[in-house]
Amino acid sequence: ATEGTPVGGLPLTWHAVPGWAPPAAPAPVPL
């Protein structure tokens, strides 16, 4: 809730175990 000094944007990337792939639709992606 407290306003600070903007310092930039944190890049975000999906990570999983090597070789993991999202399930085919309509199955939900497990988060």
All heavy atoms as atom14 arrays in JSON, in Angstrom:
{
  "sequence": "ATEGTPVGGLPLTWHAVPGWAPPAAPAPVPL",
  "atom14_mask": [
    [1, 1, 1, 1, 1, 0, 0, 0, 0, 0, 0, 0, 0, 0],
    [1, 1, 1, 1, 1, 1, 1, 0, 0, 0, 0, 0, 0, 0],
    [1, 1, 1, 1, 1, 1, 1, 1, 1, 0, 0, 0, 0, 0],
    [1, 1, 1, 1, 0, 0, 0, 0, 0, 0, 0, 0, 0, 0],
    [1, 1, 1, 1, 1, 1, 1, 0, 0, 0, 0, 0, 0, 0],
    [1, 1, 1, 1, 1, 1, 1, 0, 0, 0, 0, 0, 0, 0],
    [1, 1, 1, 1, 1, 1, 1, 0, 0, 0, 0, 0, 0, 0],
    [1, 1, 1, 1, 0, 0, 0, 0, 0, 0, 0, 0, 0, 0],
    [1, 1, 1, 1, 0, 0, 0, 0, 0, 0, 0, 0, 0, 0],
    [1, 1, 1, 1, 1, 1, 1, 1, 0, 0, 0, 0, 0, 0],
    [1, 1, 1, 1, 1, 1, 1, 0, 0, 0, 0, 0, 0, 0],
    [1, 1, 1, 1, 1, 1, 1, 1, 0, 0, 0, 0, 0, 0],
    [1, 1, 1, 1, 1, 1, 1, 0, 0, 0, 0, 0, 0, 0],
    [1, 1, 1, 1, 1, 1, 1, 1, 1, 1, 1, 1, 1, 1],
    [1, 1, 1, 1, 1, 1, 1, 1, 1, 1, 0, 0, 0, 0],
    [1, 1, 1, 1, 1, 0, 0, 0, 0, 0, 0, 0, 0, 0],
    [1, 1, 1, 1, 1, 1, 1, 0, 0, 0, 0, 0, 0, 0],
    [1, 1, 1, 1, 1, 1, 1, 0, 0, 0, 0, 0, 0, 0],
    [1, 1, 1, 1, 0, 0, 0, 0, 0, 0, 0, 0, 0, 0],
    [1, 1, 1, 1, 1, 1, 1, 1, 1, 1, 1, 1, 1, 1],
    [1, 1, 1, 1, 1, 0, 0, 0, 0, 0, 0, 0, 0, 0],
    [1, 1, 1, 1, 1, 1, 1, 0, 0, 0, 0, 0, 0, 0],
    [1, 1, 1, 1, 1, 1, 1, 0, 0, 0, 0, 0, 0, 0],
    [1, 1, 1, 1, 1, 0, 0, 0, 0, 0, 0, 0, 0, 0],
    [1, 1, 1, 1, 1, 0, 0, 0, 0, 0, 0, 0, 0, 0],
    [1, 1, 1, 1, 1, 1, 1, 0, 0, 0, 0, 0, 0, 0],
    [1, 1, 1, 1, 1, 0, 0, 0, 0, 0, 0, 0, 0, 0],
    [1, 1, 1, 1, 1, 1, 1, 0, 0, 0, 0, 0, 0, 0],
    [1, 1, 1, 1, 1, 1, 1, 0, 0, 0, 0, 0, 0, 0],
    [1, 1, 1, 1, 1, 1, 1, 0, 0, 0, 0, 0, 0, 0],
    [1, 1, 1, 1, 1, 1, 1, 1, 0, 0, 0, 0, 0, 0]
  ],
  "atom14_positions": [
    [[0.81, -1.21, 0.0], [0.0, 0.0, 0.0], [0.85, 1.27, 0.0], [0.36, 2.34, -0.31], [-0.92, -0.01, 1.22], [0.0, 0.0, 0.0], [0.0, 0.0, 0.0], [0.0, 0.0, 0.0], [0.0, 0.0, 0.0], [0.0, 0.0, 0.0], [0.0, 0.0, 0.0], [0.0, 0.0, 0.0], [0.0, 0.0, 0.0], [0.0, 0.0, 0.0]],
    [[2.12, 1.15, 0.34], [3.01, 2.31, 0.43], [3.66, 2.58, -0.91], [4.19, 1.66, -1.54], [4.1, 2.06, 1.49], [3.45, 1.85, 2.75], [5.04, 3.24, 1.61], [0.0, 0.0, 0.0], [0.0, 0.0, 0.0], [0.0, 0.0, 0.0], [0.0, 0.0, 0.0], [0.0, 0.0, 0.0], [0.0, 0.0, 0.0], [0.0, 0.0, 0.0]],
    [[3.62, 3.83, -1.32], [4.26, 4.2, -2.58], [5.75, 4.41, -2.36], [6.17, 5.12, -1.45], [3.63, 5.49, -3.11], [4.12, 5.86, -4.49], [3.4, 7.07, -5.04], [2.23, 7.29, -4.68], [4.02, 7.8, -5.83], [0.0, 0.0, 0.0], [0.0, 0.0, 0.0], [0.0, 0.0, 0.0], [0.0, 0.0, 0.0], [0.0, 0.0, 0.0]],
    [[6.54, 3.76, -3.17], [7.98, 3.92, -3.11], [8.48, 4.57, -4.38], [7.73, 5.2, -5.11], [0.0, 0.0, 0.0], [0.0, 0.0, 0.0], [0.0, 0.0, 0.0], [0.0, 0.0, 0.0], [0.0, 0.0, 0.0], [0.0, 0.0, 0.0], [0.0, 0.0, 0.0], [0.0, 0.0, 0.0], [0.0, 0.0, 0.0], [0.0, 0.0, 0.0]],
    [[9.75, 4.4, -4.65], [10.38, 4.93, -5.87], [10.37, 3.84, -6.93], [10.9, 2.74, -6.7], [11.83, 5.34, -5.56], [11.81, 6.34, -4.55], [12.52, 5.87, -6.8], [0.0, 0.0, 0.0], [0.0, 0.0, 0.0], [0.0, 0.0, 0.0], [0.0, 0.0, 0.0], [0.0, 0.0, 0.0], [0.0, 0.0, 0.0], [0.0, 0.0, 0.0]],
    [[9.76, 4.1, -8.11], [9.8, 3.09, -9.18], [11.25, 2.78, -9.58], [12.05, 3.7, -9.73], [9.04, 3.76, -10.33], [8.22, 4.82, -9.68], [9.02, 5.3, -8.5], [0.0, 0.0, 0.0], [0.0, 0.0, 0.0], [0.0, 0.0, 0.0], [0.0, 0.0, 0.0], [0.0, 0.0, 0.0], [0.0, 0.0, 0.0], [0.0, 0.0, 0.0]],
    [[11.57, 1.49, -9.7], [12.93, 1.11, -10.07], [12.97, 0.24, -11.33], [14.05, -0.15, -11.78], [13.67, 0.4, -8.91], [13.98, 1.38, -7.79], [12.88, -0.79, -8.39], [0.0, 0.0, 0.0], [0.0, 0.0, 0.0], [0.0, 0.0, 0.0], [0.0, 0.0, 0.0], [0.0, 0.0, 0.0], [0.0, 0.0, 0.0], [0.0, 0.0, 0.0]],
    [[11.83, -0.08, -11.91], [11.82, -0.85, -13.15], [10.8, -1.96, -13.12], [9.99, -2.07, -12.19], [0.0, 0.0, 0.0], [0.0, 0.0, 0.0], [0.0, 0.0, 0.0], [0.0, 0.0, 0.0], [0.0, 0.0, 0.0], [0.0, 0.0, 0.0], [0.0, 0.0, 0.0], [0.0, 0.0, 0.0], [0.0, 0.0, 0.0], [0.0, 0.0, 0.0]],
    [[10.86, -2.79, -14.15], [9.95, -3.91, -14.26], [10.7, -5.22, -14.11], [11.77, -5.4, -14.68], [0.0, 0.0, 0.0], [0.0, 0.0, 0.0], [0.0, 0.0, 0.0], [0.0, 0.0, 0.0], [0.0, 0.0, 0.0], [0.0, 0.0, 0.0], [0.0, 0.0, 0.0], [0.0, 0.0, 0.0], [0.0, 0.0, 0.0], [0.0, 0.0, 0.0]],
    [[10.15, -6.13, -13.33], [10.74, -7.44, -13.12], [10.25, -8.37, -14.23], [9.05, -8.65, -14.33], [10.33, -7.99, -11.76], [10.88, -9.36, -11.37], [12.39, -9.29, -11.21], [10.22, -9.83, -10.08], [0.0, 0.0, 0.0], [0.0, 0.0, 0.0], [0.0, 0.0, 0.0], [0.0, 0.0, 0.0], [0.0, 0.0, 0.0], [0.0, 0.0, 0.0]],
    [[11.17, -8.85, -15.09], [10.74, -9.78, -16.14], [10.27, -11.1, -15.53], [10.84, -11.59, -14.57], [12.0, -9.99, -16.99], [13.1, -9.22, -16.37], [12.6, -8.59, -15.12], [0.0, 0.0, 0.0], [0.0, 0.0, 0.0], [0.0, 0.0, 0.0], [0.0, 0.0, 0.0], [0.0, 0.0, 0.0], [0.0, 0.0, 0.0], [0.0, 0.0, 0.0]],
    [[9.2, -11.64, -16.11], [8.61, -12.88, -15.62], [8.58, -13.92, -16.74], [8.24, -13.6, -17.87], [7.18, -12.62, -15.11], [7.06, -11.62, -13.97], [5.61, -11.23, -13.75], [7.69, -12.17, -12.71], [0.0, 0.0, 0.0], [0.0, 0.0, 0.0], [0.0, 0.0, 0.0], [0.0, 0.0, 0.0], [0.0, 0.0, 0.0], [0.0, 0.0, 0.0]],
    [[8.92, -15.15, -16.39], [8.96, -16.24, -17.35], [8.39, -17.5, -16.7], [8.6, -17.73, -15.51], [10.42, -16.53, -17.8], [10.99, -15.32, -18.29], [10.48, -17.58, -18.88], [0.0, 0.0, 0.0], [0.0, 0.0, 0.0], [0.0, 0.0, 0.0], [0.0, 0.0, 0.0], [0.0, 0.0, 0.0], [0.0, 0.0, 0.0], [0.0, 0.0, 0.0]],
    [[7.69, -18.29, -17.5], [7.18, -19.57, -17.03], [8.36, -20.54, -16.86], [9.2, -20.63, -17.74], [6.19, -20.15, -18.03], [5.04, -19.24, -18.31], [4.86, -18.46, -19.42], [3.9, -19.02, -17.49], [3.68, -17.76, -19.32], [3.07, -18.09, -18.14], [3.5, -19.52, -16.26], [1.86, -17.66, -17.62], [2.28, -19.08, -15.73], [1.48, -18.17, -16.4]],
    [[8.4, -21.26, -15.74], [9.45, -22.26, -15.49], [8.82, -23.58, -15.04], [7.84, -23.59, -14.29], [10.39, -21.78, -14.38], [11.38, -20.76, -14.83], [11.05, -19.44, -15.04], [12.68, -20.87, -15.13], [12.12, -18.78, -15.43], [13.12, -19.63, -15.49], [0.0, 0.0, 0.0], [0.0, 0.0, 0.0], [0.0, 0.0, 0.0], [0.0, 0.0, 0.0]],
    [[9.42, -24.65, -15.51], [8.99, -26.0, -15.12], [10.2, -26.92, -15.23], [11.28, -26.49, -15.65], [7.86, -26.47, -16.03], [0.0, 0.0, 0.0], [0.0, 0.0, 0.0], [0.0, 0.0, 0.0], [0.0, 0.0, 0.0], [0.0, 0.0, 0.0], [0.0, 0.0, 0.0], [0.0, 0.0, 0.0], [0.0, 0.0, 0.0], [0.0, 0.0, 0.0]],
    [[10.0, -28.18, -14.88], [11.09, -29.14, -15.04], [11.4, -29.27, -16.54], [10.51, -29.1, -17.38], [10.74, -30.52, -14.43], [10.62, -30.43, -12.91], [9.48, -31.1, -15.04], [0.0, 0.0, 0.0], [0.0, 0.0, 0.0], [0.0, 0.0, 0.0], [0.0, 0.0, 0.0], [0.0, 0.0, 0.0], [0.0, 0.0, 0.0], [0.0, 0.0, 0.0]],
    [[12.65, -29.53, -16.88], [12.99, -29.68, -18.3], [12.11, -30.74, -18.96], [11.83, -31.8, -18.38], [14.46, -30.12, -18.26], [14.98, -29.54, -16.98], [13.82, -29.65, -16.02], [0.0, 0.0, 0.0], [0.0, 0.0, 0.0], [0.0, 0.0, 0.0], [0.0, 0.0, 0.0], [0.0, 0.0, 0.0], [0.0, 0.0, 0.0], [0.0, 0.0, 0.0]],
    [[11.61, -30.41, -20.16], [10.76, -31.33, -20.9], [9.28, -31.21, -20.6], [8.45, -31.82, -21.28], [0.0, 0.0, 0.0], [0.0, 0.0, 0.0], [0.0, 0.0, 0.0], [0.0, 0.0, 0.0], [0.0, 0.0, 0.0], [0.0, 0.0, 0.0], [0.0, 0.0, 0.0], [0.0, 0.0, 0.0], [0.0, 0.0, 0.0], [0.0, 0.0, 0.0]],
    [[8.91, -30.43, -19.58], [7.49, -30.26, -19.24], [6.81, -29.49, -20.36], [7.38, -28.58, -20.95], [7.35, -29.49, -17.93], [5.94, -29.37, -17.43], [5.31, -30.23, -16.59], [4.99, -28.34, -17.72], [4.02, -29.79, -16.34], [3.81, -28.64, -17.03], [5.03, -27.19, -18.51], [2.67, -27.84, -17.08], [3.9, -26.39, -18.58], [2.73, -26.72, -17.87]],
    [[5.59, -29.86, -20.66], [4.8, -29.15, -21.67], [3.39, -28.96, -21.13], [2.87, -29.83, -20.41], [4.76, -29.94, -22.97], [0.0, 0.0, 0.0], [0.0, 0.0, 0.0], [0.0, 0.0, 0.0], [0.0, 0.0, 0.0], [0.0, 0.0, 0.0], [0.0, 0.0, 0.0], [0.0, 0.0, 0.0], [0.0, 0.0, 0.0], [0.0, 0.0, 0.0]],
    [[2.76, -27.85, -21.46], [1.39, -27.65, -20.99], [0.46, -28.7, -21.58], [0.68, -29.17, -22.7], [1.03, -26.25, -21.49], [2.11, -25.81, -22.4], [3.25, -26.75, -22.27], [0.0, 0.0, 0.0], [0.0, 0.0, 0.0], [0.0, 0.0, 0.0], [0.0, 0.0, 0.0], [0.0, 0.0, 0.0], [0.0, 0.0, 0.0], [0.0, 0.0, 0.0]],
    [[-0.58, -29.09, -20.84], [-1.52, -30.08, -21.36], [-2.32, -29.5, -22.52], [-2.47, -28.29, -22.64], [-2.42, -30.39, -20.17], [-2.33, -29.18, -19.3], [-0.96, -28.6, -19.52], [0.0, 0.0, 0.0], [0.0, 0.0, 0.0], [0.0, 0.0, 0.0], [0.0, 0.0, 0.0], [0.0, 0.0, 0.0], [0.0, 0.0, 0.0], [0.0, 0.0, 0.0]],
    [[-2.84, -30.38, -23.34], [-3.67, -29.94, -24.47], [-4.99, -29.4, -23.93], [-5.55, -29.92, -22.96], [-3.91, -31.11, -25.42], [0.0, 0.0, 0.0], [0.0, 0.0, 0.0], [0.0, 0.0, 0.0], [0.0, 0.0, 0.0], [0.0, 0.0, 0.0], [0.0, 0.0, 0.0], [0.0, 0.0, 0.0], [0.0, 0.0, 0.0], [0.0, 0.0, 0.0]],
    [[-5.48, -28.34, -24.57], [-6.8, -27.79, -24.21], [-7.85, -28.84, -24.47], [-7.68, -29.66, -25.37], [-7.05, -26.53, -25.03], [0.0, 0.0, 0.0], [0.0, 0.0, 0.0], [0.0, 0.0, 0.0], [0.0, 0.0, 0.0], [0.0, 0.0, 0.0], [0.0, 0.0, 0.0], [0.0, 0.0, 0.0], [0.0, 0.0, 0.0], [0.0, 0.0, 0.0]],
    [[-8.87, -28.92, -23.7], [-9.31, -27.95, -22.71], [-8.76, -28.21, -21.3], [-9.19, -27.54, -20.35], [-10.83, -28.1, -22.72], [-11.04, -29.57, -22.95], [-9.9, -29.96, -23.9], [0.0, 0.0, 0.0], [0.0, 0.0, 0.0], [0.0, 0.0, 0.0], [0.0, 0.0, 0.0], [0.0, 0.0, 0.0], [0.0, 0.0, 0.0], [0.0, 0.0, 0.0]],
    [[-7.84, -29.13, -21.14], [-7.3, -29.39, -19.8], [-6.63, -28.12, -19.26], [-5.93, -27.43, -20.0], [-6.28, -30.54, -19.86], [0.0, 0.0, 0.0], [0.0, 0.0, 0.0], [0.0, 0.0, 0.0], [0.0, 0.0, 0.0], [0.0, 0.0, 0.0], [0.0, 0.0, 0.0], [0.0, 0.0, 0.0], [0.0, 0.0, 0.0], [0.0, 0.0, 0.0]],
    [[-6.85, -27.8, -17.99], [-6.25, -26.58, -17.45], [-4.74, -26.74, -17.23], [-4.25, -27.83, -16.95], [-6.97, -26.4, -16.12], [-7.43, -27.76, -15.74], [-7.69, -28.49, -17.02], [0.0, 0.0, 0.0], [0.0, 0.0, 0.0], [0.0, 0.0, 0.0], [0.0, 0.0, 0.0], [0.0, 0.0, 0.0], [0.0, 0.0, 0.0], [0.0, 0.0, 0.0]],
    [[-4.04, -25.64, -17.36], [-2.61, -25.61, -17.07], [-2.45, -25.7, -15.55], [-3.05, -24.91, -14.82], [-1.96, -24.31, -17.61], [-0.54, -24.16, -17.11], [-2.01, -24.3, -19.13], [0.0, 0.0, 0.0], [0.0, 0.0, 0.0], [0.0, 0.0, 0.0], [0.0, 0.0, 0.0], [0.0, 0.0, 0.0], [0.0, 0.0, 0.0], [0.0, 0.0, 0.0]],
    [[-1.66, -26.65, -15.07], [-1.43, -26.75, -13.62], [-0.39, -25.72, -13.17], [0.74, -25.71, -13.66], [-0.92, -28.18, -13.44], [-0.3, -28.53, -14.76], [-1.03, -27.75, -15.81], [0.0, 0.0, 0.0], [0.0, 0.0, 0.0], [0.0, 0.0, 0.0], [0.0, 0.0, 0.0], [0.0, 0.0, 0.0], [0.0, 0.0, 0.0], [0.0, 0.0, 0.0]],
    [[-0.79, -24.83, -12.27], [0.09, -23.77, -11.79], [0.6, -24.06, -10.39], [-0.12, -24.64, -9.56], [-0.67, -22.44, -11.74], [-1.13, -21.82, -13.04], [-1.9, -20.53, -12.75], [0.05, -21.54, -13.94], [0.0, 0.0, 0.0], [0.0, 0.0, 0.0], [0.0, 0.0, 0.0], [0.0, 0.0, 0.0], [0.0, 0.0, 0.0], [0.0, 0.0, 0.0]]
  ]
}
